[in-house]
Protein backbone atom coordinates (compact mmCIF):
# COMPACT_ATOMS: atom_id res chain seq x y z
CA MET A 1 0.00 0.00 0.00
CA GLY A 2 2.91 2.36 0.53
CA LYS A 3 3.49 2.67 -3.15
CA THR A 4 -0.14 3.54 -3.80
CA GLU A 5 -0.05 6.20 -1.11
CA SER A 6 3.02 7.89 -2.60
CA THR A 7 1.83 8.26 -6.19
CA ALA A 8 -0.45 11.17 -5.31
CA THR A 9 2.55 13.34 -4.39
CA LEU A 10 4.86 12.46 -7.27
CA PRO A 11 5.45 15.13 -9.94
CA PHE A 12 4.69 12.78 -12.81
CA MET A 13 1.10 12.35 -11.56
CA ARG A 14 0.68 16.12 -11.81
CA LYS A 15 1.96 15.84 -15.38
CA ALA A 16 -0.68 13.22 -16.10
CA PHE A 17 -3.44 15.40 -14.68
CA ALA A 18 -2.27 18.38 -16.72
CA ARG A 19 -1.73 16.43 -19.91
CA ILE A 20 -4.66 14.01 -19.86
CA THR A 21 -7.52 15.30 -17.73
CA VAL A 22 -7.40 18.86 -19.04
CA LEU A 23 -7.63 17.61 -22.62
CA VAL A 24 -10.50 15.17 -22.02
CA PHE A 25 -12.26 17.87 -19.98
CA ILE A 26 -12.21 20.23 -22.98
CA LEU A 27 -13.26 17.46 -25.35
CA TYR A 28 -16.18 16.54 -23.11
CA ILE A 29 -17.41 20.13 -23.08
CA ILE A 30 -17.55 20.01 -26.87
CA ASN A 31 -19.18 16.57 -26.76
CA PHE A 32 -21.85 17.62 -24.31
CA LEU A 33 -22.61 20.85 -26.18
CA ASP A 34 -23.35 18.88 -29.33
CA ARG A 35 -25.47 16.39 -27.40
CA VAL A 36 -27.74 18.76 -25.47
CA ASN A 37 -27.87 21.86 -27.69
CA ILE A 38 -31.21 20.53 -28.86
CA GLY A 39 -32.55 21.51 -25.41
CA TYR A 40 -31.78 25.18 -26.10
CA ALA A 41 -33.10 24.80 -29.64
CA ILE A 42 -36.38 23.45 -28.23
CA ALA A 43 -36.74 26.45 -25.91
CA GLY A 44 -35.82 28.68 -28.86
CA GLY A 45 -38.77 27.44 -30.93
CA MET A 46 -37.05 24.88 -33.17
CA PHE A 47 -40.06 22.59 -33.55
CA THR A 48 -42.71 25.26 -33.89
CA THR A 49 -40.51 26.77 -36.62
CA LEU A 50 -40.57 23.36 -38.33
CA GLY A 51 -44.37 23.45 -38.31
CA ILE A 52 -45.24 21.44 -35.19
CA PRO A 53 -48.26 22.83 -33.24
CA ALA A 54 -47.34 24.26 -29.85
CA SER A 55 -49.71 21.78 -28.14
CA SER A 56 -47.65 18.77 -29.26
CA ALA A 57 -44.22 20.37 -29.68
CA ASP A 58 -42.98 19.19 -26.25
CA THR A 59 -43.76 15.54 -27.00
CA VAL A 60 -42.18 15.68 -30.47
CA ALA A 61 -39.12 17.45 -29.06
CA GLY A 62 -38.75 14.87 -26.29
CA LEU A 63 -38.78 12.09 -28.87
CA ALA A 64 -36.18 13.89 -31.00
CA SER A 65 -33.91 14.15 -27.98
CA ALA A 66 -34.49 10.52 -27.01
CA ILE A 67 -33.75 9.01 -30.45
CA PHE A 68 -30.10 9.94 -29.91
CA PHE A 69 -29.83 7.39 -27.11
CA VAL A 70 -31.37 4.55 -29.09
CA ALA A 71 -28.37 4.69 -31.43
CA TYR A 72 -25.98 5.55 -28.58
CA PHE A 73 -26.66 2.12 -27.07
CA ILE A 74 -25.50 0.09 -30.09
CA PRO A 75 -21.65 0.31 -30.37
CA GLN A 76 -20.65 0.81 -26.72
CA ILE A 77 -19.20 -2.52 -25.61
CA PHE A 78 -17.29 -3.16 -28.81
CA SER A 79 -15.97 0.38 -29.20
CA ASN A 80 -14.50 0.07 -25.69
CA LEU A 81 -12.90 -3.26 -26.54
CA GLY A 82 -11.42 -1.53 -29.59
CA ILE A 83 -9.90 1.16 -27.37
CA THR A 84 -8.06 -1.49 -25.32
CA ARG A 85 -6.47 -2.70 -28.56
CA VAL A 86 -5.86 0.35 -30.77
CA GLY A 87 -6.16 3.25 -28.32
CA VAL A 88 -8.34 6.34 -28.27
CA ARG A 89 -6.70 8.59 -30.87
CA LYS A 90 -7.92 6.81 -33.99
CA ILE A 91 -11.39 6.12 -32.64
CA PHE A 92 -11.95 9.64 -31.27
CA THR A 93 -10.63 11.27 -34.45
CA VAL A 94 -13.27 9.46 -36.49
CA THR A 95 -16.10 10.11 -34.03
CA PHE A 96 -15.41 13.83 -33.54
CA THR A 97 -15.20 14.37 -37.29
CA ALA A 98 -18.48 12.54 -37.83
CA TRP A 99 -20.51 14.26 -35.15
CA GLY A 100 -19.17 17.72 -36.07
CA ILE A 101 -20.51 17.26 -39.60
CA ILE A 102 -23.82 15.84 -38.30
CA THR A 103 -24.32 18.74 -35.87
CA ILE A 104 -23.75 21.31 -38.61
CA ALA A 105 -26.20 19.42 -40.84
CA THR A 106 -28.86 19.66 -38.11
CA GLY A 107 -28.85 23.42 -38.58
CA PHE A 108 -30.09 22.91 -42.15
CA VAL A 109 -33.11 20.67 -41.41
CA SER A 110 -36.50 21.56 -42.87
CA ASN A 111 -38.72 18.93 -41.22
CA VAL A 112 -38.96 16.68 -38.17
CA PRO A 113 -38.03 13.35 -39.88
CA GLN A 114 -34.68 14.93 -40.84
CA VAL A 115 -34.14 15.86 -37.18
CA TYR A 116 -34.93 12.30 -36.09
CA ALA A 117 -32.52 10.82 -38.65
CA LEU A 118 -29.65 13.15 -37.73
CA ARG A 119 -30.15 12.62 -33.99
CA PHE A 120 -29.97 8.85 -34.52
CA ILE A 121 -26.74 9.12 -36.53
CA LEU A 122 -25.32 11.53 -33.95
CA GLY A 123 -25.93 8.89 -31.27
CA LEU A 124 -23.86 6.36 -33.23
CA ALA A 125 -21.07 8.89 -33.71
CA GLU A 126 -20.87 9.98 -30.07
CA ALA A 127 -21.22 6.52 -28.53
CA PRO A 128 -17.50 5.69 -28.15
CA PHE A 129 -16.55 8.88 -26.31
CA PHE A 130 -17.78 8.89 -22.70
CA ALA A 131 -17.31 5.20 -21.87
CA GLY A 132 -14.02 5.36 -23.79
CA VAL A 133 -12.71 8.16 -21.58
CA VAL A 134 -13.80 6.42 -18.36
CA LEU A 135 -11.82 3.38 -19.52
CA TYR A 136 -8.95 5.58 -20.71
CA LEU A 137 -8.61 7.28 -17.31
CA SER A 138 -8.56 3.89 -15.57
CA MET A 139 -5.57 2.98 -17.77
CA TRP A 140 -3.66 6.05 -16.58
CA PHE A 141 -4.63 6.82 -12.98
CA PRO A 142 -4.19 4.57 -9.93
CA LYS A 143 -7.33 4.26 -7.82
CA LYS A 144 -6.18 6.86 -5.29
CA GLU A 145 -6.26 9.54 -8.01
CA ARG A 146 -9.01 8.06 -10.19
CA GLY A 147 -11.91 9.80 -8.46
CA ALA A 148 -10.24 13.18 -8.89
CA ALA A 149 -9.46 12.41 -12.54
CA ASN A 150 -13.07 11.35 -13.12
CA GLY A 151 -14.26 14.44 -11.27
CA ILE A 152 -12.26 16.83 -13.46
CA PHE A 153 -13.43 15.04 -16.60
CA MET A 154 -17.09 14.96 -15.56
CA ALA A 155 -17.05 18.55 -14.33
CA ALA A 156 -17.19 19.25 -18.06
CA ILE A 157 -20.93 18.42 -17.98
CA PRO A 158 -21.96 21.38 -15.81
CA VAL A 159 -19.25 23.57 -17.34
CA ALA A 160 -20.66 22.69 -20.77
CA GLY A 161 -24.01 23.75 -19.35
CA ILE A 162 -22.53 27.12 -18.41
CA VAL A 163 -20.83 27.55 -21.78
CA GLY A 164 -23.88 26.24 -23.62
CA SER A 165 -26.18 28.61 -21.76
CA LEU A 166 -24.02 31.61 -22.59
CA ILE A 167 -23.54 30.58 -26.23
CA ALA A 168 -27.27 29.99 -26.66
CA GLY A 169 -28.11 33.27 -24.98
CA VAL A 170 -25.74 35.21 -27.24
CA ILE A 171 -26.89 33.45 -30.41
CA PHE A 172 -30.61 33.85 -29.67
CA GLY A 173 -29.98 37.50 -28.79
CA ALA A 174 -28.05 38.08 -32.02
CA TYR A 175 -30.10 36.05 -34.50
CA GLY A 176 -33.55 35.96 -32.90
CA LYS A 177 -35.85 33.05 -32.15
CA THR A 178 -36.70 32.06 -35.72
CA ILE A 179 -33.22 31.18 -36.96
CA GLY A 180 -31.10 31.39 -33.81
CA TRP A 181 -31.32 27.65 -33.18
CA ARG A 182 -29.86 26.96 -36.63
CA PHE A 183 -26.72 28.99 -35.88
CA LEU A 184 -26.43 27.19 -32.54
CA PHE A 185 -25.88 23.93 -34.43
CA TYR A 186 -23.54 25.53 -36.99
CA TYR A 187 -21.13 27.02 -34.46
CA GLU A 188 -21.05 24.06 -32.07
CA GLY A 189 -20.51 21.58 -34.91
CA ILE A 190 -17.50 23.61 -36.06
CA LEU A 191 -16.03 23.31 -32.54
CA ALA A 192 -16.09 19.51 -32.84
CA LEU A 193 -14.21 19.62 -36.14
CA ILE A 194 -11.55 21.93 -34.70
CA SER A 195 -11.03 19.56 -31.76
CA VAL A 196 -9.88 16.75 -34.09
CA ALA A 197 -6.44 18.36 -34.35
CA PHE A 198 -6.04 18.36 -30.55
CA ILE A 199 -7.01 14.68 -30.38
CA TRP A 200 -4.54 13.59 -33.04
CA PHE A 201 -1.54 15.60 -31.89
CA LEU A 202 -1.96 15.75 -28.09
CA MET A 203 -3.53 12.48 -26.93
CA THR A 204 -1.37 9.55 -25.82
CA ASP A 205 -3.00 6.13 -26.05
CA PHE A 206 -1.16 4.15 -23.36
CA PRO A 207 1.30 4.94 -20.52
CA LYS A 208 4.08 2.99 -22.28
CA GLN A 209 3.90 5.56 -25.14
CA ALA A 210 4.15 8.65 -22.91
CA LYS A 211 7.28 10.43 -24.10
CA TRP A 212 6.45 13.31 -21.76
CA LEU A 213 7.28 10.99 -18.84
CA SER A 214 10.82 9.87 -18.03
CA ASP A 215 11.71 6.18 -18.29
CA GLY A 216 11.58 5.86 -14.51
CA GLU A 217 8.21 7.63 -14.24
CA ARG A 218 6.71 5.45 -16.96
CA LYS A 219 7.93 2.29 -15.26
CA GLU A 220 6.66 3.37 -11.84
CA LEU A 221 3.21 4.23 -13.19
CA ILE A 222 2.90 0.99 -15.19
CA ASP A 223 4.09 -1.08 -12.21
CA GLU A 224 1.54 0.60 -9.93
CA LEU A 225 -1.34 0.00 -12.33
CA ASP A 226 -0.24 -3.60 -12.90
CA ARG A 227 -0.10 -4.18 -9.14
CA GLU A 228 -3.63 -2.85 -8.70
CA ASN A 229 -4.93 -5.01 -11.53
CA THR A 230 -3.49 -8.18 -9.97
CA GLU A 231 -5.24 -7.35 -6.68
CA LYS A 232 -8.70 -6.99 -8.22
CA LYS A 233 -11.03 -9.88 -7.43
CA GLY A 234 -13.75 -9.23 -9.98
CA GLN A 235 -14.40 -11.13 -13.20
CA THR A 236 -11.51 -11.23 -15.66
CA ASP A 237 -13.38 -12.70 -18.64
CA TRP A 238 -15.24 -9.85 -20.36
CA LYS A 239 -18.30 -11.96 -21.24
CA LYS A 240 -18.65 -13.31 -17.69
CA ALA A 241 -18.18 -9.80 -16.25
CA LEU A 242 -21.33 -8.68 -18.05
CA LYS A 243 -23.33 -11.12 -15.88
CA ASP A 244 -21.76 -10.04 -12.58
CA PRO A 245 -24.60 -9.05 -10.16
CA ASP A 246 -22.83 -5.83 -9.13
CA VAL A 247 -22.26 -4.87 -12.77
CA LEU A 248 -25.99 -5.36 -13.41
CA LYS A 249 -26.87 -3.27 -10.34
CA LEU A 250 -24.50 -0.54 -11.49
CA THR A 251 -26.23 -0.60 -14.87
CA LEU A 252 -29.60 -0.05 -13.18
CA VAL A 253 -28.24 2.73 -10.97
CA TYR A 254 -26.77 4.51 -13.96
CA LEU A 255 -30.04 4.14 -15.89
CA LEU A 256 -31.92 5.80 -13.03
CA GLY A 257 -29.34 8.56 -12.59
CA VAL A 258 -29.12 9.36 -16.29
CA THR A 259 -32.92 9.46 -16.57
CA SER A 260 -32.97 12.28 -14.03
CA LEU A 261 -29.89 13.95 -15.50
CA TYR A 262 -31.18 14.21 -19.05
CA GLY A 263 -34.70 15.02 -17.94
CA TYR A 264 -33.10 17.92 -16.08
CA VAL A 265 -30.61 19.02 -18.73
CA ILE A 266 -32.79 18.81 -21.85
CA TRP A 267 -35.76 20.58 -20.27
CA LEU A 268 -33.88 23.00 -17.99
CA PRO A 269 -34.33 26.10 -20.23
CA SER A 270 -38.02 25.28 -20.73
CA VAL A 271 -38.60 24.68 -17.00
CA LEU A 272 -36.94 27.99 -16.19
CA LYS A 273 -39.15 29.74 -18.73
CA ALA A 274 -42.14 28.26 -16.91
CA PHE A 275 -40.89 29.58 -13.57
CA GLY A 276 -41.22 33.18 -14.63
CA SER A 277 -42.56 33.45 -18.21
CA LEU A 278 -39.05 34.24 -19.46
CA THR A 279 -37.79 34.71 -23.00
CA ALA A 280 -35.64 31.98 -24.61
CA SER A 281 -32.56 34.21 -24.34
CA THR A 282 -33.10 34.98 -20.62
CA ALA A 283 -33.90 31.35 -19.79
CA SER A 284 -30.69 30.29 -21.56
CA TYR A 285 -28.62 32.72 -19.49
CA LEU A 286 -30.28 31.64 -16.22
CA SER A 287 -29.63 28.00 -17.10
CA ALA A 288 -25.96 28.66 -16.32
CA ILE A 289 -26.67 29.01 -12.57
CA PRO A 290 -27.37 25.31 -11.77
CA PHE A 291 -24.37 24.31 -13.87
CA ILE A 292 -22.03 26.71 -12.05
CA ILE A 293 -23.06 25.29 -8.67
CA ALA A 294 -22.84 21.71 -9.94
CA SER A 295 -19.39 22.16 -11.49
CA ILE A 296 -17.96 23.28 -8.14
CA SER A 297 -19.71 20.62 -6.07
CA LEU A 298 -18.78 17.84 -8.49
CA VAL A 299 -15.04 18.44 -8.11
CA LEU A 300 -15.23 18.84 -4.32
CA ILE A 301 -17.34 15.71 -3.86
CA SER A 302 -15.04 13.66 -6.11
CA ARG A 303 -12.04 14.70 -4.00
CA TYR A 304 -13.89 13.71 -0.82
CA SER A 305 -14.72 10.38 -2.45
CA ASP A 306 -11.00 9.77 -3.06
CA LYS A 307 -10.03 10.70 0.50
CA SER A 308 -12.74 8.69 2.22
CA GLY A 309 -12.79 5.76 -0.21
CA LYS A 310 -16.53 5.45 0.54
CA ARG A 311 -17.69 5.38 -3.08
CA LYS A 312 -21.06 3.75 -2.36
CA MET A 313 -22.07 6.05 0.48
CA VAL A 314 -20.99 9.20 -1.36
CA THR A 315 -23.02 8.14 -4.39
CA PHE A 316 -26.06 7.46 -2.20
CA ALA A 317 -25.73 10.86 -0.49
CA VAL A 318 -25.66 12.84 -3.73
CA PHE A 319 -28.67 10.93 -5.11
CA THR A 320 -30.53 11.85 -1.92
CA THR A 321 -29.59 15.50 -2.42
CA ALA A 322 -31.09 15.39 -5.91
CA PHE A 323 -34.29 13.82 -4.57
CA LEU A 324 -34.78 16.39 -1.82
CA GLY A 325 -33.93 19.36 -4.05
CA LEU A 326 -36.40 18.32 -6.76
CA VAL A 327 -39.23 17.52 -4.34
CA ILE A 328 -38.91 20.76 -2.37
CA SER A 329 -38.59 22.75 -5.61
CA ALA A 330 -41.86 21.28 -6.92
CA LEU A 331 -43.70 21.75 -3.60
CA THR A 332 -42.70 25.43 -3.26
CA LEU A 333 -43.28 26.59 -6.86
CA HIS A 334 -46.73 28.05 -6.14
CA VAL A 335 -45.50 29.56 -2.88
CA SER A 336 -42.38 31.34 -4.16
CA ALA A 337 -40.77 31.08 -7.59
CA VAL A 338 -37.46 32.23 -6.08
CA VAL A 339 -37.43 29.54 -3.36
CA SER A 340 -38.43 26.92 -5.93
CA MET A 341 -35.59 28.03 -8.21
CA VAL A 342 -33.08 27.83 -5.33
CA PHE A 343 -34.00 24.20 -4.58
CA PHE A 344 -34.04 23.37 -8.29
CA VAL A 345 -30.42 24.58 -8.35
CA ILE A 346 -29.59 22.54 -5.21
CA ALA A 347 -30.97 19.47 -6.98
CA ALA A 348 -28.31 19.95 -9.68
CA ILE A 349 -25.63 19.18 -7.06
CA GLY A 350 -26.96 15.65 -6.69
CA ILE A 351 -28.01 15.14 -10.29
CA PHE A 352 -24.47 15.74 -11.59
CA SER A 353 -22.20 14.89 -8.64
CA PHE A 354 -23.04 11.18 -8.48
CA LEU A 355 -20.99 10.65 -11.65
CA PRO A 356 -17.31 10.64 -10.51
CA SER A 357 -17.87 8.53 -7.37
CA PHE A 358 -20.15 6.16 -9.27
CA TRP A 359 -17.64 5.56 -12.08
CA THR A 360 -14.83 4.64 -9.68
CA ILE A 361 -16.83 1.62 -8.47
CA PRO A 362 -16.57 -0.69 -11.53
CA THR A 363 -12.90 0.18 -12.13
CA GLU A 364 -12.06 -0.82 -8.54
CA PHE A 365 -13.02 -4.48 -9.00
CA LEU A 366 -12.66 -4.98 -12.77
CA SER A 367 -9.66 -4.66 -15.08
CA GLY A 368 -8.61 -5.11 -18.70
CA GLU A 369 -11.29 -6.27 -21.14
CA SER A 370 -13.70 -7.10 -18.30
CA SER A 371 -13.53 -3.46 -17.25
CA ALA A 372 -13.86 -2.28 -20.85
CA SER A 373 -16.93 -4.40 -21.59
CA SER A 374 -18.61 -3.64 -18.26
CA ILE A 375 -18.10 0.11 -18.60
CA GLY A 376 -19.51 -0.16 -22.10
CA LEU A 377 -22.57 -2.07 -20.87
CA ILE A 378 -23.20 0.27 -17.94
CA ASN A 379 -22.85 3.38 -20.08
CA ALA A 380 -24.83 2.01 -23.03
CA THR A 381 -27.76 0.67 -21.03
CA GLY A 382 -27.66 3.47 -18.50
CA ASN A 383 -27.84 6.09 -21.21
CA LEU A 384 -31.18 4.69 -22.30
CA GLY A 385 -32.24 6.96 -19.47
CA GLY A 386 -31.57 9.67 -22.02
CA ILE A 387 -34.61 8.27 -23.82
CA ILE A 388 -36.79 7.91 -20.73
CA GLY A 389 -35.97 11.29 -19.13
CA PRO A 390 -36.70 13.68 -22.02
CA ILE A 391 -39.77 11.75 -23.21
CA MET A 392 -41.12 11.38 -19.68
CA VAL A 393 -40.79 15.07 -18.83
CA GLY A 394 -42.05 16.18 -22.25
CA PHE A 395 -45.03 13.82 -22.14
CA LEU A 396 -46.01 14.78 -18.59
CA ALA A 397 -45.68 18.49 -19.46
CA SER A 398 -47.96 18.06 -22.48
CA ALA A 399 -50.45 15.90 -20.55
CA THR A 400 -50.70 18.07 -17.44
CA GLY A 401 -49.81 21.50 -18.78
CA SER A 402 -47.06 21.77 -16.16
CA PHE A 403 -43.49 20.59 -15.61
CA LEU A 404 -44.18 19.78 -11.93
CA SER A 405 -45.15 16.15 -12.56
CA GLY A 406 -41.91 15.66 -14.51
CA VAL A 407 -39.89 17.14 -11.64
CA PHE A 408 -41.51 14.71 -9.17
CA ALA A 409 -40.76 11.81 -11.53
CA MET A 410 -37.06 12.79 -11.75
CA ALA A 411 -36.97 12.92 -7.93
CA ILE A 412 -38.29 9.35 -7.64
CA PHE A 413 -35.71 8.04 -10.11
CA SER A 414 -32.93 9.72 -8.08
CA LEU A 415 -34.16 8.22 -4.81
CA VAL A 416 -34.40 4.69 -6.21
CA GLY A 417 -30.94 5.07 -7.77
CA GLY A 418 -29.50 5.89 -4.36
CA LEU A 419 -31.22 2.96 -2.67
CA VAL A 420 -30.00 0.44 -5.28
CA THR A 421 -26.45 1.79 -4.86
CA LEU A 422 -26.52 0.69 -1.21
CA THR A 423 -26.97 -2.95 -2.31
CA ILE A 424 -23.70 -3.14 -4.29
CA LYS A 425 -21.39 -5.57 -2.49
CA LYS A 426 -18.00 -4.80 -4.05
CA SER A 427 -17.88 -1.22 -2.80
CA ARG A 428 -18.04 0.62 0.48
């Protein structure tokens, strides 16, 4: 254990954080912008512009958002196995190029079927990224630093929310509601294409290829990771690992968490508009507030998770925070819009901050291809919550004329996710 304790203070680990986590953090911002910009486009009138009646626009928009995750499910396990063999550079270069082009094309759509088709293809293109990075970080960071590395990477989600809110606000202010959503897709697709150069020239696939580490540093890092892998007691065969009870529980937990997350993210601008009859531009700007709070809490909670080692309990606690924030927000909306907004922001702490502590759990008892396949399964199946969340909130809003029922539904999913987490045996 002495060796594991010391790696946190060695200079070469700081190099790894600077070289690897900063880059994947930036890439994830771009990834998340291209995934959820449809939420701002919805609030900006995308579907009414395409001829959908306002009475059914929420349901149609929820389906458009959800179709992404149908395709997202398909390549996950095998794209992760590919990363263990050929590395991330080649795979990410192809995927970023593809989804940049697809995002730009979305700005040119003239009807809803075109939106559905492009969202499906976008899901295929983006599928290798998130699970690929979770696996990638586990190849580079010993478990004592892995929570912090995951935390920095996943802080990109709320930061992307901040950036996305500001970009959407500026674009809607400059171009207006009718065509503003088209320019949102143009500009954010171009960002993905620009990022390809950073992937190709700056990413390093495996520690043994890291020329920016000395020979001694490379050897020490590889030895530490090898030692940890030999100590893991989980499944080593990737097919058997997919049947591990804790892997299946983690898949369910992630499904529940992602359902709440995407229900929150996709409909956030629209929910904020409902709080105070705001314009699309103002709602986009205000959407930055929950993301600012979440980005700070996510990093702090991930660091606490590393120090305490209590991955399961930390994950449960943040799920509970999401549940309480959402419930109190819904109950106080008709009493005070300000109080309701405050608790809606507090809910964001739990909705986002479960991610880094959660993703350390499978990498602590799985390694190699078993880790790759399990991460792929958890992420692929869990992200079907990206179908359930947007459709659920959109359908309930259309059926009841209010977003309150959708907020209560997200709260229940968060609570159940926390309770299932407590049943995982290979974590504490």
